[in-house]
Amino acid sequence: MHKQVQRIAMFTALAIGTSALSVTPALAIPTTQDQDHHDQYQKDRNEHPEYVNNKYYQLGNKEGYDDHKKNLQRKEHNHTYNTDMDKQAHDYGYQQGWEGKDYHEHQKPN
C-alpha cells in the first residue's frame, strides 16, 4: 500500500511539473500580430529616424491619428514650418498617423 501511494504521488508531481513547463514558455512568447506591429513600426522608424524627435512629425502624427479615428482626412494643415524638413516630417507623421500608427504608443520603454 505504501509503495502504491508513493507511486501515485510521484506520478502526480511529474504530471504537474510537465504541464507547468509546457505552459510557461507560451506565456512569454508575443503573438504574431504583436510582433508584426512592432516590426512594421521599427521599419517605419528606421526609414526616417531623423523625424522621430521632430516636433512637427509628432504633431503631424497626432493629427493623422486623430483623423484616422474619426475616419475623416483633412485637406489642409495650417502650420508655419521653420524648414522644408519640418514640413516633410509633419507630412510623414500625418501619413503614419492616418495609417493608424500612433507615435505615442511606442514611447513606452521595453
PDB file of N, CA and C in Angstrom:
ATOM      1  N   MET A   1       0.824  -1.192   0.000  1.00  0.00           N
ATOM      2  CA  MET A   1       0.000   0.000   0.000  1.00  0.00           C
ATOM      3  C   MET A   1       0.873   1.263   0.000  1.00  0.00           C
ATOM      4  N   HIS A   2       1.907   1.254   0.810  1.00  0.00           N
ATOM      5  CA  HIS A   2       2.808   2.400   0.895  1.00  0.00           C
ATOM      6  C   HIS A   2       3.477   2.672  -0.460  1.00  0.00           C
ATOM      7  N   LYS A   3       3.887   1.630  -1.166  1.00  0.00           N
ATOM      8  CA  LYS A   3       4.522   1.790  -2.481  1.00  0.00           C
ATOM      9  C   LYS A   3       3.533   2.365  -3.484  1.00  0.00           C
ATOM     10  N   GLN A   4       2.274   1.949  -3.392  1.00  0.00           N
ATOM     11  CA  GLN A   4       1.250   2.435  -4.318  1.00  0.00           C
ATOM     12  C   GLN A   4       0.995   3.935  -4.106  1.00  0.00           C
ATOM     13  N   VAL A   5       0.917   4.379  -2.882  1.00  0.00           N
ATOM     14  CA  VAL A   5       0.729   5.794  -2.568  1.00  0.00           C
ATOM     15  C   VAL A   5       1.940   6.597  -3.037  1.00  0.00           C
ATOM     16  N   GLN A   6       3.121   6.023  -2.849  1.00  0.00           N
ATOM     17  CA  GLN A   6       4.345   6.694  -3.271  1.00  0.00           C
ATOM     18  C   GLN A   6       4.365   6.851  -4.791  1.00  0.00           C
ATOM     19  N   ARG A   7       3.934   5.839  -5.531  1.00  0.00           N
ATOM     20  CA  ARG A   7       3.894   5.897  -6.987  1.00  0.00           C
ATOM     21  C   ARG A   7       2.883   6.943  -7.469  1.00  0.00           C
ATOM     22  N   ILE A   8       1.738   6.978  -6.821  1.00  0.00           N
ATOM     23  CA  ILE A   8       0.707   7.965  -7.201  1.00  0.00           C
ATOM     24  C   ILE A   8       1.221   9.381  -6.953  1.00  0.00           C
ATOM     25  N   ALA A   9       1.902   9.580  -5.831  1.00  0.00           N
ATOM     26  CA  ALA A   9       2.451  10.899  -5.512  1.00  0.00           C
ATOM     27  C   ALA A   9       3.514  11.302  -6.526  1.00  0.00           C
ATOM     28  N   MET A  10       4.384  10.385  -6.914  1.00  0.00           N
ATOM     29  CA  MET A  10       5.413  10.674  -7.919  1.00  0.00           C
ATOM     30  C   MET A  10       4.778  10.982  -9.267  1.00  0.00           C
ATOM     31  N   PHE A  11       3.785  10.209  -9.655  1.00  0.00           N
ATOM     32  CA  PHE A  11       3.105  10.414 -10.935  1.00  0.00           C
ATOM     33  C   PHE A  11       2.423  11.784 -10.955  1.00  0.00           C
ATOM     34  N   THR A  12       1.760  12.140  -9.861  1.00  0.00           N
ATOM     35  CA  THR A  12       1.074  13.434  -9.764  1.00  0.00           C
ATOM     36  C   THR A  12       2.078  14.584  -9.843  1.00  0.00           C
ATOM     37  N   ALA A  13       3.174  14.472  -9.129  1.00  0.00           N
ATOM     38  CA  ALA A  13       4.199  15.522  -9.156  1.00  0.00           C
ATOM     39  C   ALA A  13       4.786  15.657 -10.560  1.00  0.00           C
ATOM     40  N   LEU A  14       5.037  14.548 -11.214  1.00  0.00           N
ATOM     41  CA  LEU A  14       5.570  14.561 -12.574  1.00  0.00           C
ATOM     42  C   LEU A  14       4.580  15.195 -13.554  1.00  0.00           C
ATOM     43  N   ALA A  15       3.306  14.873 -13.416  1.00  0.00           N
ATOM     44  CA  ALA A  15       2.275  15.433 -14.301  1.00  0.00           C
ATOM     45  C   ALA A  15       2.152  16.942 -14.110  1.00  0.00           C
ATOM     46  N   ILE A  16       2.177  17.390 -12.871  1.00  0.00           N
ATOM     47  CA  ILE A  16       2.076  18.831 -12.588  1.00  0.00           C
ATOM     48  C   ILE A  16       3.306  19.557 -13.124  1.00  0.00           C
ATOM     49  N   GLY A  17       4.490  19.002 -12.904  1.00  0.00           N
ATOM     50  CA  GLY A  17       5.721  19.622 -13.388  1.00  0.00           C
ATOM     51  C   GLY A  17       5.759  19.710 -14.897  1.00  0.00           C
ATOM     52  N   THR A  18       5.334  18.666 -15.576  1.00  0.00           N
ATOM     53  CA  THR A  18       5.319  18.650 -17.041  1.00  0.00           C
ATOM     54  C   THR A  18       4.338  19.673 -17.591  1.00  0.00           C
ATOM     55  N   SER A  19       3.156  19.747 -17.009  1.00  0.00           N
ATOM     56  CA  SER A  19       2.166  20.715 -17.508  1.00  0.00           C
ATOM     57  C   SER A  19       2.622  22.147 -17.240  1.00  0.00           C
ATOM     58  N   ALA A  20       3.278  22.394 -16.125  1.00  0.00           N
ATOM     59  CA  ALA A  20       3.772  23.746 -15.823  1.00  0.00           C
ATOM     60  C   ALA A  20       4.861  24.151 -16.807  1.00  0.00           C
ATOM     61  N   LEU A  21       5.729  23.241 -17.171  1.00  0.00           N
ATOM     62  CA  LEU A  21       6.800  23.548 -18.124  1.00  0.00           C
ATOM     63  C   LEU A  21       6.267  23.793 -19.531  1.00  0.00           C
ATOM     64  N   SER A  22       5.215  23.108 -19.885  1.00  0.00           N
ATOM     65  CA  SER A  22       4.679  23.289 -21.237  1.00  0.00           C
ATOM     66  C   SER A  22       3.879  24.583 -21.375  1.00  0.00           C
ATOM     67  N   VAL A  23       3.311  25.098 -20.304  1.00  0.00           N
ATOM     68  CA  VAL A  23       2.511  26.320 -20.353  1.00  0.00           C
ATOM     69  C   VAL A  23       3.389  27.561 -20.218  1.00  0.00           C
ATOM     70  N   THR A  24       4.425  27.527 -19.417  1.00  0.00           N
ATOM     71  CA  THR A  24       5.255  28.693 -19.127  1.00  0.00           C
ATOM     72  C   THR A  24       5.847  29.358 -20.364  1.00  0.00           C
ATOM     73  N   PRO A  25       6.463  28.637 -21.308  1.00  0.00           N
ATOM     74  CA  PRO A  25       7.007  29.322 -22.493  1.00  0.00           C
ATOM     75  C   PRO A  25       5.933  30.001 -23.331  1.00  0.00           C
ATOM     76  N   ALA A  26       4.749  29.449 -23.377  1.00  0.00           N
ATOM     77  CA  ALA A  26       3.675  30.049 -24.171  1.00  0.00           C
ATOM     78  C   ALA A  26       3.278  31.414 -23.619  1.00  0.00           C
ATOM     79  N   LEU A  27       3.408  31.607 -22.341  1.00  0.00           N
ATOM     80  CA  LEU A  27       3.044  32.890 -21.747  1.00  0.00           C
ATOM     81  C   LEU A  27       4.040  33.984 -22.102  1.00  0.00           C
ATOM     82  N   ALA A  28       5.288  33.636 -22.348  1.00  0.00           N
ATOM     83  CA  ALA A  28       6.325  34.619 -22.607  1.00  0.00           C
ATOM     84  C   ALA A  28       6.460  34.991 -24.084  1.00  0.00           C
ATOM     85  N   ILE A  29       5.875  34.224 -24.971  1.00  0.00           N
ATOM     86  CA  ILE A  29       6.031  34.453 -26.407  1.00  0.00           C
ATOM     87  C   ILE A  29       4.993  35.475 -26.877  1.00  0.00           C
ATOM     88  N   PRO A  30       5.432  36.575 -27.514  1.00  0.00           N
ATOM     89  CA  PRO A  30       4.460  37.548 -28.036  1.00  0.00           C
ATOM     90  C   PRO A  30       3.701  36.936 -29.218  1.00  0.00           C
ATOM     91  N   THR A  31       2.503  37.411 -29.422  1.00  0.00           N
ATOM     92  CA  THR A  31       1.709  36.902 -30.534  1.00  0.00           C
ATOM     93  C   THR A  31       2.295  37.386 -31.851  1.00  0.00           C
ATOM     94  N   THR A  32       1.936  36.716 -32.910  1.00  0.00           N
ATOM     95  CA  THR A  32       2.419  37.089 -34.239  1.00  0.00           C
ATOM     96  C   THR A  32       1.977  38.496 -34.589  1.00  0.00           C
ATOM     97  N   GLN A  33       0.744  38.848 -34.226  1.00  0.00           N
ATOM     98  CA  GLN A  33       0.230  40.179 -34.525  1.00  0.00           C
ATOM     99  C   GLN A  33       1.042  41.252 -33.807  1.00  0.00           C
ATOM    100  N   ASP A  34       1.379  41.016 -32.542  1.00  0.00           N
ATOM    101  CA  ASP A  34       2.202  41.982 -31.801  1.00  0.00           C
ATOM    102  C   ASP A  34       3.560  42.142 -32.450  1.00  0.00           C
ATOM    103  N   GLN A  35       4.144  41.026 -32.852  1.00  0.00           N
ATOM    104  CA  GLN A  35       5.466  41.074 -33.472  1.00  0.00           C
ATOM    105  C   GLN A  35       5.411  41.798 -34.812  1.00  0.00           C
ATOM    106  N   ASP A  36       4.378  41.534 -35.618  1.00  0.00           N
ATOM    107  CA  ASP A  36       4.241  42.198 -36.911  1.00  0.00           C
ATOM    108  C   ASP A  36       4.084  43.703 -36.733  1.00  0.00           C
ATOM    109  N   HIS A  37       3.268  44.109 -35.748  1.00  0.00           N
ATOM    110  CA  HIS A  37       3.043  45.528 -35.482  1.00  0.00           C
ATOM    111  C   HIS A  37       4.356  46.196 -35.077  1.00  0.00           C
ATOM    112  N   HIS A  38       5.090  45.517 -34.196  1.00  0.00           N
ATOM    113  CA  HIS A  38       6.370  46.066 -33.737  1.00  0.00           C
ATOM    114  C   HIS A  38       7.359  46.146 -34.893  1.00  0.00           C
ATOM    115  N   ASP A  39       7.422  45.093 -35.713  1.00  0.00           N
ATOM    116  CA  ASP A  39       8.344  45.081 -36.853  1.00  0.00           C
ATOM    117  C   ASP A  39       8.028  46.209 -37.828  1.00  0.00           C
ATOM    118  N   GLN A  40       6.736  46.430 -38.100  1.00  0.00           N
ATOM    119  CA  GLN A  40       6.341  47.485 -39.031  1.00  0.00           C
ATOM    120  C   GLN A  40       6.711  48.852 -38.455  1.00  0.00           C
ATOM    121  N   TYR A  41       6.497  49.038 -37.160  1.00  0.00           N
ATOM    122  CA  TYR A  41       6.863  50.302 -36.530  1.00  0.00           C
ATOM    123  C   TYR A  41       8.368  50.524 -36.638  1.00  0.00           C
ATOM    124  N   GLN A  42       9.158  49.476 -36.350  1.00  0.00           N
ATOM    125  CA  GLN A  42      10.607  49.610 -36.424  1.00  0.00           C
ATOM    126  C   GLN A  42      11.044  49.937 -37.850  1.00  0.00           C
ATOM    127  N   LYS A  43      10.419  49.329 -38.845  1.00  0.00           N
ATOM    128  CA  LYS A  43      10.754  49.595 -40.245  1.00  0.00           C
ATOM    129  C   LYS A  43      10.464  51.061 -40.569  1.00  0.00           C
ATOM    130  N   ASP A  44       9.283  51.531 -40.169  1.00  0.00           N
ATOM    131  CA  ASP A  44       8.919  52.929 -40.431  1.00  0.00           C
ATOM    132  C   ASP A  44       9.869  53.878 -39.712  1.00  0.00           C
ATOM    133  N   ARG A  45      10.208  53.544 -38.507  1.00  0.00           N
ATOM    134  CA  ARG A  45      11.079  54.411 -37.710  1.00  0.00           C
ATOM    135  C   ARG A  45      12.488  54.447 -38.310  1.00  0.00           C
ATOM    136  N   ASN A  46      12.937  53.324 -38.847  1.00  0.00           N
ATOM    137  CA  ASN A  46      14.276  53.268 -39.430  1.00  0.00           C
ATOM    138  C   ASN A  46      14.348  53.967 -40.782  1.00  0.00           C
ATOM    139  N   GLU A  47      13.217  54.093 -41.482  1.00  0.00           N
ATOM    140  CA  GLU A  47      13.232  54.777 -42.772  1.00  0.00           C
ATOM    141  C   GLU A  47      13.522  56.271 -42.604  1.00  0.00           C
ATOM    142  N   HIS A  48      13.010  56.870 -41.543  1.00  0.00           N
ATOM    143  CA  HIS A  48      13.210  58.298 -41.290  1.00  0.00           C
ATOM    144  C   HIS A  48      13.517  58.534 -39.815  1.00  0.00           C
ATOM    145  N   PRO A  49      14.682  58.080 -39.353  1.00  0.00           N
ATOM    146  CA  PRO A  49      14.986  58.245 -37.931  1.00  0.00           C
ATOM    147  C   PRO A  49      15.140  59.712 -37.530  1.00  0.00           C
ATOM    148  N   GLU A  50      15.445  60.574 -38.495  1.00  0.00           N
ATOM    149  CA  GLU A  50      15.619  61.993 -38.172  1.00  0.00           C
ATOM    150  C   GLU A  50      14.293  62.663 -37.820  1.00  0.00           C
ATOM    151  N   TYR A  51      13.175  62.039 -38.182  1.00  0.00           N
ATOM    152  CA  TYR A  51      11.866  62.641 -37.919  1.00  0.00           C
ATOM    153  C   TYR A  51      11.324  62.319 -36.530  1.00  0.00           C
ATOM    154  N   VAL A  52      11.753  61.233 -35.936  1.00  0.00           N
ATOM    155  CA  VAL A  52      11.122  60.734 -34.719  1.00  0.00           C
ATOM    156  C   VAL A  52      11.092  61.772 -33.596  1.00  0.00           C
ATOM    157  N   ASN A  53      12.147  62.538 -33.445  1.00  0.00           N
ATOM    158  CA  ASN A  53      12.187  63.545 -32.369  1.00  0.00           C
ATOM    159  C   ASN A  53      11.784  64.930 -32.844  1.00  0.00           C
ATOM    160  N   ASN A  54      11.327  65.047 -34.079  1.00  0.00           N
ATOM    161  CA  ASN A  54      10.925  66.328 -34.633  1.00  0.00           C
ATOM    162  C   ASN A  54       9.505  66.661 -34.150  1.00  0.00           C
ATOM    163  N   LYS A  55       9.332  67.854 -33.582  1.00  0.00           N
ATOM    164  CA  LYS A  55       8.017  68.218 -33.021  1.00  0.00           C
ATOM    165  C   LYS A  55       6.939  68.278 -34.102  1.00  0.00           C
ATOM    166  N   TYR A  56       7.332  68.583 -35.341  1.00  0.00           N
ATOM    167  CA  TYR A  56       6.344  68.629 -36.423  1.00  0.00           C
ATOM    168  C   TYR A  56       5.920  67.219 -36.845  1.00  0.00           C
ATOM    169  N   TYR A  57       6.847  66.278 -36.779  1.00  0.00           N
ATOM    170  CA  TYR A  57       6.489  64.880 -37.032  1.00  0.00           C
ATOM    171  C   TYR A  57       5.470  64.424 -35.988  1.00  0.00           C
ATOM    172  N   GLN A  58       5.759  64.727 -34.726  1.00  0.00           N
ATOM    173  CA  GLN A  58       4.876  64.315 -33.640  1.00  0.00           C
ATOM    174  C   GLN A  58       3.503  64.975 -33.768  1.00  0.00           C
ATOM    175  N   LEU A  59       3.491  66.258 -34.126  1.00  0.00           N
ATOM    176  CA  LEU A  59       2.231  66.972 -34.332  1.00  0.00           C
ATOM    177  C   LEU A  59       1.457  66.365 -35.500  1.00  0.00           C
ATOM    178  N   GLY A  60       2.147  66.126 -36.612  1.00  0.00           N
ATOM    179  CA  GLY A  60       1.503  65.529 -37.781  1.00  0.00           C
ATOM    180  C   GLY A  60       0.956  64.148 -37.478  1.00  0.00           C
ATOM    181  N   ASN A  61       1.727  63.365 -36.723  1.00  0.00           N
ATOM    182  CA  ASN A  61       1.276  62.025 -36.373  1.00  0.00           C
ATOM    183  C   ASN A  61       0.035  62.090 -35.496  1.00  0.00           C
ATOM    184  N   LYS A  62       0.024  63.017 -34.546  1.00  0.00           N
ATOM    185  CA  LYS A  62      -1.154  63.166 -33.672  1.00  0.00           C
ATOM    186  C   LYS A  62      -2.379  63.562 -34.496  1.00  0.00           C
ATOM    187  N   GLU A  63      -2.202  64.533 -35.394  1.00  0.00           N
ATOM    188  CA  GLU A  63      -3.327  64.964 -36.237  1.00  0.00           C
ATOM    189  C   GLU A  63      -3.795  63.825 -37.133  1.00  0.00           C
ATOM    190  N   GLY A  64      -2.846  63.111 -37.738  1.00  0.00           N
ATOM    191  CA  GLY A  64      -3.207  61.996 -38.608  1.00  0.00           C
ATOM    192  C   GLY A  64      -3.911  60.886 -37.859  1.00  0.00           C
ATOM    193  N   TYR A  65      -3.434  60.582 -36.659  1.00  0.00           N
ATOM    194  CA  TYR A  65      -4.053  59.522 -35.862  1.00  0.00           C
ATOM    195  C   TYR A  65      -5.453  59.930 -35.406  1.00  0.00           C
ATOM    196  N   ASP A  66      -5.605  61.197 -35.017  1.00  0.00           N
ATOM    197  CA  ASP A  66      -6.942  61.692 -34.645  1.00  0.00           C
ATOM    198  C   ASP A  66      -7.896  61.592 -35.833  1.00  0.00           C
ATOM    199  N   ASP A  67      -7.409  61.978 -37.020  1.00  0.00           N
ATOM    200  CA  ASP A  67      -8.239  61.889 -38.227  1.00  0.00           C
ATOM    201  C   ASP A  67      -8.550  60.437 -38.566  1.00  0.00           C
ATOM    202  N   HIS A  68      -7.580  59.557 -38.336  1.00  0.00           N
ATOM    203  CA  HIS A  68      -7.785  58.130 -38.576  1.00  0.00           C
ATOM    204  C   HIS A  68      -8.930  57.606 -37.714  1.00  0.00           C
ATOM    205  N   LYS A  69      -8.935  58.013 -36.446  1.00  0.00           N
ATOM    206  CA  LYS A  69     -10.001  57.559 -35.539  1.00  0.00           C
ATOM    207  C   LYS A  69     -11.362  58.100 -35.972  1.00  0.00           C
ATOM    208  N   LYS A  70     -11.400  59.315 -36.528  1.00  0.00           N
ATOM    209  CA  LYS A  70     -12.646  59.926 -36.996  1.00  0.00           C
ATOM    210  C   LYS A  70     -13.005  59.479 -38.408  1.00  0.00           C
ATOM    211  N   ASN A  71     -12.037  58.844 -39.093  1.00  0.00           N
ATOM    212  CA  ASN A  71     -12.200  58.439 -40.494  1.00  0.00           C
ATOM    213  C   ASN A  71     -12.518  59.647 -41.376  1.00  0.00           C
ATOM    214  N   LEU A  72     -11.805  60.737 -41.127  1.00  0.00           N
ATOM    215  CA  LEU A  72     -12.001  61.978 -41.870  1.00  0.00           C
ATOM    216  C   LEU A  72     -10.639  62.635 -42.090  1.00  0.00           C
ATOM    217  N   GLN A  73     -10.135  62.563 -43.324  1.00  0.00           N
ATOM    218  CA  GLN A  73      -8.813  63.112 -43.613  1.00  0.00           C
ATOM    219  C   GLN A  73      -8.928  64.598 -43.947  1.00  0.00           C
ATOM    220  N   ARG A  74      -8.151  65.431 -43.256  1.00  0.00           N
ATOM    221  CA  ARG A  74      -8.200  66.866 -43.500  1.00  0.00           C
ATOM    222  C   ARG A  74      -7.442  67.215 -44.776  1.00  0.00           C
ATOM    223  N   LYS A  75      -7.894  68.252 -45.432  1.00  0.00           N
ATOM    224  CA  LYS A  75      -7.293  68.660 -46.696  1.00  0.00           C
ATOM    225  C   LYS A  75      -6.152  69.656 -46.490  1.00  0.00           C
ATOM    226  N   GLU A  76      -6.228  70.462 -45.433  1.00  0.00           N
ATOM    227  CA  GLU A  76      -5.216  71.494 -45.206  1.00  0.00           C
ATOM    228  C   GLU A  76      -4.612  71.368 -43.810  1.00  0.00           C
ATOM    229  N   HIS A  77      -3.369  71.800 -43.723  1.00  0.00           N
ATOM    230  CA  HIS A  77      -2.672  71.882 -42.439  1.00  0.00           C
ATOM    231  C   HIS A  77      -2.126  73.302 -42.341  1.00  0.00           C
ATOM    232  N   ASN A  78      -2.652  74.043 -41.414  1.00  0.00           N
ATOM    233  CA  ASN A  78      -2.252  75.446 -41.274  1.00  0.00           C
ATOM    234  C   ASN A  78      -1.180  75.575 -40.201  1.00  0.00           C
ATOM    235  N   HIS A  79       0.049  75.305 -40.594  1.00  0.00           N
ATOM    236  CA  HIS A  79       1.185  75.418 -39.682  1.00  0.00           C
ATOM    237  C   HIS A  79       2.259  76.271 -40.345  1.00  0.00           C
ATOM    238  N   THR A  80       3.054  76.917 -39.529  1.00  0.00           N
ATOM    239  CA  THR A  80       4.221  77.641 -40.028  1.00  0.00           C
ATOM    240  C   THR A  80       5.442  76.790 -39.707  1.00  0.00           C
ATOM    241  N   TYR A  81       6.093  76.316 -40.747  1.00  0.00           N
ATOM    242  CA  TYR A  81       7.241  75.433 -40.578  1.00  0.00           C
ATOM    243  C   TYR A  81       8.535  76.250 -40.622  1.00  0.00           C
ATOM    244  N   ASN A  82       9.507  75.841 -39.842  1.00  0.00           N
ATOM    245  CA  ASN A  82      10.804  76.519 -39.837  1.00  0.00           C
ATOM    246  C   ASN A  82      11.623  76.176 -41.077  1.00  0.00           C
ATOM    247  N   THR A  83      11.562  74.923 -41.495  1.00  0.00           N
ATOM    248  CA  THR A  83      12.354  74.463 -42.643  1.00  0.00           C
ATOM    249  C   THR A  83      11.511  73.527 -43.506  1.00  0.00           C
ATOM    250  N   ASP A  84      12.027  73.217 -44.679  1.00  0.00           N
ATOM    251  CA  ASP A  84      11.363  72.233 -45.539  1.00  0.00           C
ATOM    252  C   ASP A  84      11.348  70.861 -44.876  1.00  0.00           C
ATOM    253  N   MET A  85      12.404  70.555 -44.129  1.00  0.00           N
ATOM    254  CA  MET A  85      12.455  69.258 -43.441  1.00  0.00           C
ATOM    255  C   MET A  85      11.344  69.150 -42.399  1.00  0.00           C
ATOM    256  N   ASP A  86      11.018  70.259 -41.733  1.00  0.00           N
ATOM    257  CA  ASP A  86       9.920  70.246 -40.767  1.00  0.00           C
ATOM    258  C   ASP A  86       8.596  69.936 -41.463  1.00  0.00           C
ATOM    259  N   LYS A  87       8.382  70.511 -42.640  1.00  0.00           N
ATOM    260  CA  LYS A  87       7.152  70.225 -43.392  1.00  0.00           C
ATOM    261  C   LYS A  87       7.118  68.758 -43.825  1.00  0.00           C
ATOM    262  N   GLN A  88       8.255  68.243 -44.285  1.00  0.00           N
ATOM    263  CA  GLN A  88       8.326  66.843 -44.687  1.00  0.00           C
ATOM    264  C   GLN A  88       8.077  65.929 -43.490  1.00  0.00           C
ATOM    265  N   ALA A  89       8.643  66.285 -42.344  1.00  0.00           N
ATOM    266  CA  ALA A  89       8.448  65.490 -41.134  1.00  0.00           C
ATOM    267  C   ALA A  89       6.975  65.495 -40.734  1.00  0.00           C
ATOM    268  N   HIS A  90       6.334  66.658 -40.813  1.00  0.00           N
ATOM    269  CA  HIS A  90       4.912  66.760 -40.489  1.00  0.00           C
ATOM    270  C   HIS A  90       4.093  65.895 -41.437  1.00  0.00           C
ATOM    271  N   ASP A  91       4.367  66.008 -42.726  1.00  0.00           N
ATOM    272  CA  ASP A  91       3.602  65.234 -43.710  1.00  0.00           C
ATOM    273  C   ASP A  91       3.797  63.734 -43.505  1.00  0.00           C
ATOM    274  N   TYR A  92       5.020  63.332 -43.233  1.00  0.00           N
ATOM    275  CA  TYR A  92       5.292  61.916 -42.993  1.00  0.00           C
ATOM    276  C   TYR A  92       4.596  61.451 -41.715  1.00  0.00           C
ATOM    277  N   GLY A  93       4.672  62.259 -40.666  1.00  0.00           N
ATOM    278  CA  GLY A  93       3.996  61.913 -39.413  1.00  0.00           C
ATOM    279  C   GLY A  93       2.491  61.813 -39.595  1.00  0.00           C
ATOM    280  N   TYR A  94       1.936  62.750 -40.374  1.00  0.00           N
ATOM    281  CA  TYR A  94       0.495  62.704 -40.634  1.00  0.00           C
ATOM    282  C   TYR A  94       0.130  61.418 -41.354  1.00  0.00           C
ATOM    283  N   GLN A  95       0.917  61.055 -42.359  1.00  0.00           N
ATOM    284  CA  GLN A  95       0.627  59.836 -43.121  1.00  0.00           C
ATOM    285  C   GLN A  95       0.706  58.604 -42.231  1.00  0.00           C
ATOM    286  N   GLN A  96       1.706  58.564 -41.351  1.00  0.00           N
ATOM    287  CA  GLN A  96       1.825  57.448 -40.421  1.00  0.00           C
ATOM    288  C   GLN A  96       0.599  57.389 -39.500  1.00  0.00           C
ATOM    289  N   GLY A  97       0.188  58.538 -38.992  1.00  0.00           N
ATOM    290  CA  GLY A  97      -0.998  58.583 -38.129  1.00  0.00           C
ATOM    291  C   GLY A  97      -2.253  58.189 -38.874  1.00  0.00           C
ATOM    292  N   TRP A  98      -2.384  58.647 -40.111  1.00  0.00           N
ATOM    293  CA  TRP A  98      -3.557  58.334 -40.926  1.00  0.00           C
ATOM    294  C   TRP A  98      -3.655  56.826 -41.160  1.00  0.00           C
ATOM    295  N   GLU A  99      -2.500  56.155 -41.197  1.00  0.00           N
ATOM    296  CA  GLU A  99      -2.478  54.693 -41.361  1.00  0.00           C
ATOM    297  C   GLU A  99      -2.728  53.966 -40.035  1.00  0.00           C
ATOM    298  N   GLY A 100      -2.934  54.724 -38.958  1.00  0.00           N
ATOM    299  CA  GLY A 100      -3.243  54.116 -37.668  1.00  0.00           C
ATOM    300  C   GLY A 100      -2.036  53.848 -36.796  1.00  0.00           C
ATOM    301  N   LYS A 101      -0.901  54.441 -37.126  1.00  0.00           N
ATOM    302  CA  LYS A 101       0.317  54.238 -36.353  1.00  0.00           C
ATOM    303  C   LYS A 101       0.509  55.426 -35.421  1.00  0.00           C
ATOM    304  N   ASP A 102       0.245  55.198 -34.140  1.00  0.00           N
ATOM    305  CA  ASP A 102       0.335  56.255 -33.144  1.00  0.00           C
ATOM    306  C   ASP A 102       1.750  56.334 -32.593  1.00  0.00           C
ATOM    307  N   TYR A 103       2.388  57.472 -32.776  1.00  0.00           N
ATOM    308  CA  TYR A 103       3.753  57.693 -32.298  1.00  0.00           C
ATOM    309  C   TYR A 103       3.853  57.452 -30.798  1.00  0.00           C
ATOM    310  N   HIS A 104       2.866  57.862 -30.046  1.00  0.00           N
ATOM    311  CA  HIS A 104       2.923  57.790 -28.588  1.00  0.00           C
ATOM    312  C   HIS A 104       2.827  56.368 -28.062  1.00  0.00           C
ATOM    313  N   GLU A 105       2.260  55.443 -28.830  1.00  0.00           N
ATOM    314  CA  GLU A 105       2.202  54.048 -28.412  1.00  0.00           C
ATOM    315  C   GLU A 105       3.587  53.490 -28.164  1.00  0.00           C
ATOM    316  N   HIS A 106       4.562  53.957 -28.914  1.00  0.00           N
ATOM    317  CA  HIS A 106       5.884  53.365 -28.914  1.00  0.00           C
ATOM    318  C   HIS A 106       6.874  54.114 -28.050  1.00  0.00           C
ATOM    319  N   GLN A 107       6.407  55.044 -27.260  1.00  0.00           N
ATOM    320  CA  GLN A 107       7.310  55.800 -26.407  1.00  0.00           C
ATOM    321  C   GLN A 107       7.555  55.106 -25.082  1.00  0.00           C
ATOM    322  N   LYS A 108       6.782  54.045 -24.777  1.00  0.00           N
ATOM    323  CA  LYS A 108       6.965  53.324 -23.531  1.00  0.00           C
ATOM    324  C   LYS A 108       8.228  52.474 -23.632  1.00  0.00           C
ATOM    325  N   PRO A 109       9.076  52.492 -22.613  1.00  0.00           N
ATOM    326  CA  PRO A 109      10.300  51.669 -22.675  1.00  0.00           C
ATOM    327  C   PRO A 109       9.947  50.202 -22.662  1.00  0.00           C
ATOM    328  N   ASN A 110      10.761  49.398 -23.364  1.00  0.00           N
ATOM    329  CA  ASN A 110      10.507  47.953 -23.438  1.00  0.00           C
ATOM    330  C   ASN A 110      11.021  47.242 -22.229  1.00  0.00           C
TER     331      ASN A 110
END
